[in-house]
Amino acid sequence: MARIRTVKPDLWKSEQIGEVSVEARLTFLGLITQADDYGRMKGNAKLVRSLIFPYDDFPLRKVSEWLRELHEANLIRWYEVEGREYIELPTWGDHQRVSHPTDSALPSHSEADSAGAPQALQKLPEDVRREGKGREGNKEGIGKESFGVTPTDASRSEFDEWLADYHRVTGRTSVTGSKAARDAFKARCREGKTLQDLKFATRGCQSDPWRIEKGHNIPETILRASNVEGYISQAKDQPARAAPTSHANRFAEMARQAEIEERQVA
């Protein structure tokens, strides 16, 4: 059963919180109030919606999107055990003091199936992974304007340019610009990072074989506040360090050179 919980003022200064949408932040606060004494709860998106948004008619896919944002920002662990979805708050013990905790009836993240992420997250439709239209109002979920967030066309085009460069550098052309990635990009720009800085960050991450092997070379991780400065420095300080060559990288570079040559001829 949910109990009274504590939310510290420093929550709003957290870089992790700053990287997710306002809707995801509200969802995170709701999860804190609904978790058991060990920071766990059932993670079915339909149940989460009924507990946190009982008076709203948000589409289920929007709730899944917000949970996915929180999962990718490491604010929650969204996992599956024996076909059932669960949520665990990884920093629960750092912020909540429960004097007489009741034993949790739910499995911990350490018991998660080998796949880790729940099927609901793995199967999230592509249109949910991209930034929403934002002006649809309650038909498609919360409109961006209702929260005072109206990204400019310029910021969108800069992100698209960054993503195109990311595709060229990594060869991962199937990776789309998720909402979490776009929000992280905008947050880094607000902090003073330029488009060129963030392109350097891609190269810095891609130059590290260990990070590639661990799957860290995805937009959301590259653009994360705790990572981006180190990646930029790595790219600038070690320009001679080449990224691992792959067929995809070679083909992407060939296409880029052909495009340059075509422009020169024109």
Protein backbone atom coordinates (compact mmCIF):
# COMPACT_ATOMS: atom_id res chain seq x y z
CA MET A 1 0.00 0.00 0.00
CA ALA A 2 1.26 3.51 -0.82
CA ARG A 3 2.55 5.58 2.09
CA ILE A 4 3.56 9.19 2.63
CA ARG A 5 6.88 9.81 0.89
CA THR A 6 9.52 12.54 0.86
CA VAL A 7 10.50 14.67 -2.13
CA LYS A 8 13.62 16.79 -1.61
CA PRO A 9 13.91 20.31 -3.09
CA ASP A 10 17.14 19.26 -4.84
CA LEU A 11 15.09 16.99 -7.08
CA TRP A 12 14.40 19.94 -9.40
CA LYS A 13 18.14 20.64 -9.78
CA SER A 14 18.89 17.09 -10.86
CA GLU A 15 20.38 16.85 -14.36
CA GLN A 16 18.59 13.54 -14.84
CA ILE A 17 15.24 15.18 -14.12
CA GLY A 18 16.16 18.04 -16.45
CA GLU A 19 16.67 15.62 -19.35
CA VAL A 20 13.13 14.24 -19.37
CA SER A 21 9.87 15.88 -20.38
CA VAL A 22 7.61 17.67 -17.92
CA GLU A 23 5.08 14.87 -18.28
CA ALA A 24 7.71 12.27 -17.39
CA ARG A 25 8.70 14.32 -14.32
CA LEU A 26 5.09 14.32 -13.13
CA THR A 27 4.95 10.57 -13.72
CA PHE A 28 8.16 10.14 -11.67
CA LEU A 29 6.65 12.01 -8.72
CA GLY A 30 3.59 9.80 -8.95
CA LEU A 31 5.73 6.66 -8.92
CA ILE A 32 7.43 7.82 -5.71
CA THR A 33 4.04 8.03 -3.98
CA GLN A 34 2.93 4.60 -5.21
CA ALA A 35 6.07 2.51 -4.63
CA ASP A 36 6.30 0.05 -1.74
CA ASP A 37 8.80 0.37 1.12
CA TYR A 38 11.60 -0.89 -1.11
CA GLY A 39 10.88 1.45 -4.01
CA ARG A 40 9.12 -1.16 -6.15
CA MET A 41 5.73 -1.38 -7.79
CA LYS A 42 3.97 -3.22 -10.58
CA GLY A 43 5.00 -1.67 -13.87
CA ASN A 44 2.14 -2.31 -16.25
CA ALA A 45 1.52 1.02 -18.01
CA LYS A 46 -2.25 0.62 -17.72
CA LEU A 47 -1.97 0.18 -13.95
CA VAL A 48 0.44 3.12 -13.66
CA ARG A 49 -2.03 5.30 -15.55
CA SER A 50 -4.90 4.31 -13.25
CA LEU A 51 -2.87 5.04 -10.10
CA ILE A 52 -1.27 8.33 -11.11
CA PHE A 53 -3.74 9.80 -13.62
CA PRO A 54 -7.17 8.52 -12.51
CA TYR A 55 -8.98 11.65 -13.75
CA ASP A 56 -7.23 11.92 -17.12
CA ASP A 57 -7.74 10.07 -20.37
CA PHE A 58 -4.13 10.02 -21.61
CA PRO A 59 -3.52 7.39 -24.28
CA LEU A 60 -1.73 4.34 -22.93
CA ARG A 61 1.08 4.82 -25.43
CA LYS A 62 1.86 8.22 -23.89
CA VAL A 63 2.21 6.73 -20.42
CA SER A 64 4.50 4.07 -21.89
CA GLU A 65 6.54 6.83 -23.53
CA TRP A 66 6.99 8.67 -20.22
CA LEU A 67 8.05 5.46 -18.48
CA ARG A 68 10.50 4.81 -21.28
CA GLU A 69 12.00 8.30 -20.82
CA LEU A 70 12.47 7.66 -17.10
CA HIS A 71 13.99 4.25 -17.80
CA GLU A 72 16.49 5.67 -20.32
CA ALA A 73 17.44 8.48 -17.92
CA ASN A 74 18.13 5.86 -15.20
CA LEU A 75 15.49 7.41 -12.94
CA ILE A 76 13.65 4.10 -12.83
CA ARG A 77 14.36 0.50 -13.69
CA TRP A 78 11.52 -0.88 -15.80
CA TYR A 79 11.94 -4.63 -16.04
CA GLU A 80 10.16 -7.92 -16.54
CA VAL A 81 10.08 -11.08 -14.43
CA GLU A 82 8.23 -14.15 -15.70
CA GLY A 83 6.19 -12.08 -18.14
CA ARG A 84 5.13 -9.43 -15.63
CA GLU A 85 6.36 -5.83 -15.63
CA TYR A 86 7.78 -4.08 -12.59
CA ILE A 87 9.33 -0.73 -11.71
CA GLU A 88 12.09 -0.09 -9.20
CA LEU A 89 13.47 3.31 -8.15
CA PRO A 90 17.28 2.84 -8.04
CA THR A 91 18.04 5.66 -5.56
CA TRP A 92 15.16 4.87 -3.22
CA GLY A 93 17.39 4.16 -0.21
CA ASP A 94 19.20 7.48 -0.64
CA HIS A 95 16.08 9.61 -0.35
CA GLN A 96 13.45 7.68 1.61
CA ARG A 97 13.69 6.75 5.29
CA VAL A 98 11.21 4.01 6.19
CA SER A 99 11.42 3.22 9.90
CA HIS A 100 9.60 -0.12 9.82
CA PRO A 101 9.58 -1.33 6.21
CA THR A 102 7.15 -4.03 5.16
CA ASP A 103 8.80 -6.81 3.18
CA SER A 104 8.30 -6.33 -0.53
CA ALA A 105 6.09 -8.87 -2.29
CA LEU A 106 7.60 -7.88 -5.64
CA PRO A 107 10.79 -9.17 -7.29
CA SER A 108 13.80 -6.88 -7.41
CA HIS A 109 15.59 -5.72 -10.53
CA SER A 110 18.33 -8.29 -9.83
CA GLU A 111 15.76 -10.99 -10.58
CA ALA A 112 14.82 -9.49 -13.95
CA ASP A 113 14.71 -11.70 -17.03
CA SER A 114 17.89 -11.67 -19.09
CA ALA A 115 16.32 -9.34 -21.68
CA GLY A 116 15.96 -6.74 -18.93
CA ALA A 117 13.59 -4.30 -20.59
CA PRO A 118 9.90 -5.26 -20.60
CA GLN A 119 8.15 -6.18 -23.82
CA ALA A 120 6.07 -3.00 -23.58
CA LEU A 121 9.25 -0.95 -23.87
CA GLN A 122 10.81 -3.11 -26.59
CA LYS A 123 7.67 -2.95 -28.73
CA LEU A 124 6.94 0.75 -28.25
CA PRO A 125 5.86 2.07 -31.68
CA GLU A 126 8.34 4.21 -33.60
CA ASP A 127 6.00 7.21 -33.61
CA VAL A 128 6.05 7.15 -29.80
CA ARG A 129 9.85 7.18 -29.82
CA ARG A 130 9.94 10.39 -31.79
CA GLU A 131 8.98 13.78 -30.39
CA GLY A 132 5.20 14.19 -30.49
CA LYS A 133 3.34 16.88 -32.38
CA GLY A 134 2.71 18.65 -29.10
CA ARG A 135 -0.32 20.68 -30.14
CA GLU A 136 -2.84 17.88 -30.33
CA GLY A 137 -4.17 18.53 -26.84
CA ASN A 138 -5.88 15.68 -25.01
CA LYS A 139 -6.50 13.68 -28.17
CA GLU A 140 -2.85 12.61 -28.38
CA GLY A 141 -1.81 13.36 -24.81
CA ILE A 142 -0.67 16.51 -23.05
CA GLY A 143 0.04 19.33 -25.49
CA LYS A 144 3.44 20.98 -25.21
CA GLU A 145 1.91 24.43 -25.11
CA SER A 146 -0.01 23.62 -21.95
CA PHE A 147 3.37 23.39 -20.18
CA GLY A 148 4.87 26.43 -21.90
CA VAL A 149 7.23 24.30 -23.97
CA THR A 150 7.27 25.26 -27.62
CA PRO A 151 10.50 24.09 -29.32
CA THR A 152 11.51 26.33 -32.21
CA ASP A 153 11.94 25.13 -35.74
CA ALA A 154 15.60 26.15 -35.44
CA SER A 155 16.22 23.79 -32.51
CA ARG A 156 14.49 20.98 -34.38
CA SER A 157 16.57 21.54 -37.51
CA GLU A 158 19.81 21.67 -35.49
CA PHE A 159 18.96 18.37 -33.85
CA ASP A 160 18.17 16.86 -37.25
CA GLU A 161 21.56 18.06 -38.50
CA TRP A 162 23.23 16.54 -35.44
CA LEU A 163 21.38 13.26 -35.99
CA ALA A 164 22.45 13.13 -39.65
CA ASP A 165 26.05 13.62 -38.52
CA TYR A 166 25.56 10.90 -35.89
CA HIS A 167 24.41 8.53 -38.64
CA ARG A 168 27.51 9.33 -40.72
CA VAL A 169 29.92 8.86 -37.82
CA THR A 170 28.43 5.72 -36.28
CA GLY A 171 26.81 4.07 -39.29
CA ARG A 172 23.73 3.43 -37.12
CA THR A 173 21.27 4.85 -39.62
CA SER A 174 18.32 2.95 -38.14
CA VAL A 175 18.55 4.92 -34.88
CA THR A 176 15.83 7.57 -34.75
CA GLY A 177 15.70 10.80 -32.79
CA SER A 178 13.70 9.83 -29.73
CA LYS A 179 12.03 12.46 -27.57
CA ALA A 180 14.56 11.79 -24.80
CA ALA A 181 17.41 12.45 -27.25
CA ARG A 182 15.82 15.67 -28.53
CA ASP A 183 15.19 16.90 -25.00
CA ALA A 184 18.79 16.12 -24.01
CA PHE A 185 20.04 17.97 -27.10
CA LYS A 186 17.98 21.05 -26.20
CA ALA A 187 19.17 20.89 -22.59
CA ARG A 188 22.83 20.81 -23.65
CA CYS A 189 22.24 23.76 -25.99
CA ARG A 190 20.65 25.73 -23.16
CA GLU A 191 23.80 25.03 -21.13
CA GLY A 192 25.90 26.69 -23.83
CA LYS A 193 26.98 23.73 -25.95
CA THR A 194 27.12 24.43 -29.69
CA LEU A 195 26.08 22.12 -32.49
CA GLN A 196 29.75 21.55 -33.26
CA ASP A 197 30.44 20.65 -29.61
CA LEU A 198 27.75 17.99 -29.72
CA LYS A 199 29.13 16.62 -32.98
CA PHE A 200 32.48 16.32 -31.21
CA ALA A 201 30.70 14.40 -28.43
CA THR A 202 29.56 11.80 -30.97
CA ARG A 203 33.12 11.37 -32.21
CA GLY A 204 34.50 11.15 -28.69
CA CYS A 205 32.11 8.35 -27.77
CA GLN A 206 32.61 6.54 -31.07
CA SER A 207 36.39 6.58 -30.60
CA ASP A 208 36.10 4.34 -27.54
CA PRO A 209 35.71 0.63 -28.50
CA TRP A 210 34.60 -0.27 -24.97
CA ARG A 211 31.68 2.17 -25.09
CA ILE A 212 30.67 0.87 -28.50
CA GLU A 213 30.76 -2.70 -27.24
CA LYS A 214 28.59 -1.76 -24.25
CA GLY A 215 26.08 0.00 -26.51
CA HIS A 216 26.72 3.46 -25.08
CA ASN A 217 26.91 5.07 -28.51
CA ILE A 218 23.22 5.93 -28.69
CA PRO A 219 21.97 9.55 -28.81
CA GLU A 220 20.41 9.54 -25.34
CA THR A 221 23.69 8.42 -23.72
CA ILE A 222 26.02 10.59 -25.80
CA LEU A 223 23.96 13.72 -25.00
CA ARG A 224 23.56 12.96 -21.30
CA ALA A 225 24.84 15.82 -19.12
CA SER A 226 27.16 13.56 -17.13
CA ASN A 227 28.82 12.24 -20.31
CA VAL A 228 28.90 14.94 -22.94
CA GLU A 229 31.80 17.04 -21.60
CA GLY A 230 34.08 14.02 -21.39
CA TYR A 231 33.21 12.93 -24.92
CA ILE A 232 33.88 16.41 -26.28
CA SER A 233 37.27 16.55 -24.55
CA GLN A 234 38.14 13.08 -25.78
CA ALA A 235 37.42 14.05 -29.36
CA LYS A 236 39.34 17.33 -29.17
CA ASP A 237 42.32 16.02 -27.20
CA GLN A 238 42.83 12.86 -29.23
CA PRO A 239 41.96 13.74 -32.83
CA ALA A 240 44.21 11.02 -34.19
CA ARG A 241 42.30 8.28 -32.44
CA ALA A 242 40.12 6.77 -35.15
CA ALA A 243 36.81 5.08 -34.59
CA PRO A 244 36.56 1.38 -35.43
CA THR A 245 35.96 0.89 -39.12
CA SER A 246 32.84 -0.89 -40.25
CA HIS A 247 31.15 -1.46 -43.59
CA ALA A 248 28.37 0.90 -42.52
CA ASN A 249 30.89 3.63 -41.65
CA ARG A 250 32.70 3.24 -44.96
CA PHE A 251 29.49 3.36 -46.98
CA ALA A 252 28.32 6.42 -45.02
CA GLU A 253 31.62 8.18 -45.69
CA MET A 254 31.47 7.28 -49.40
CA ALA A 255 27.97 8.72 -49.60
CA ARG A 256 29.10 11.89 -47.84
CA GLN A 257 32.04 12.35 -50.24
CA ALA A 258 29.78 11.77 -53.25
CA GLU A 259 27.37 14.41 -51.97
CA ILE A 260 30.24 16.91 -51.58
CA GLU A 261 31.49 16.19 -55.10
CA GLU A 262 28.00 16.66 -56.54
CA ARG A 263 27.71 20.05 -54.88
CA GLN A 264 31.10 21.10 -56.22
CA VAL A 265 30.10 20.10 -59.78
CA ALA A 266 26.83 22.02 -59.45
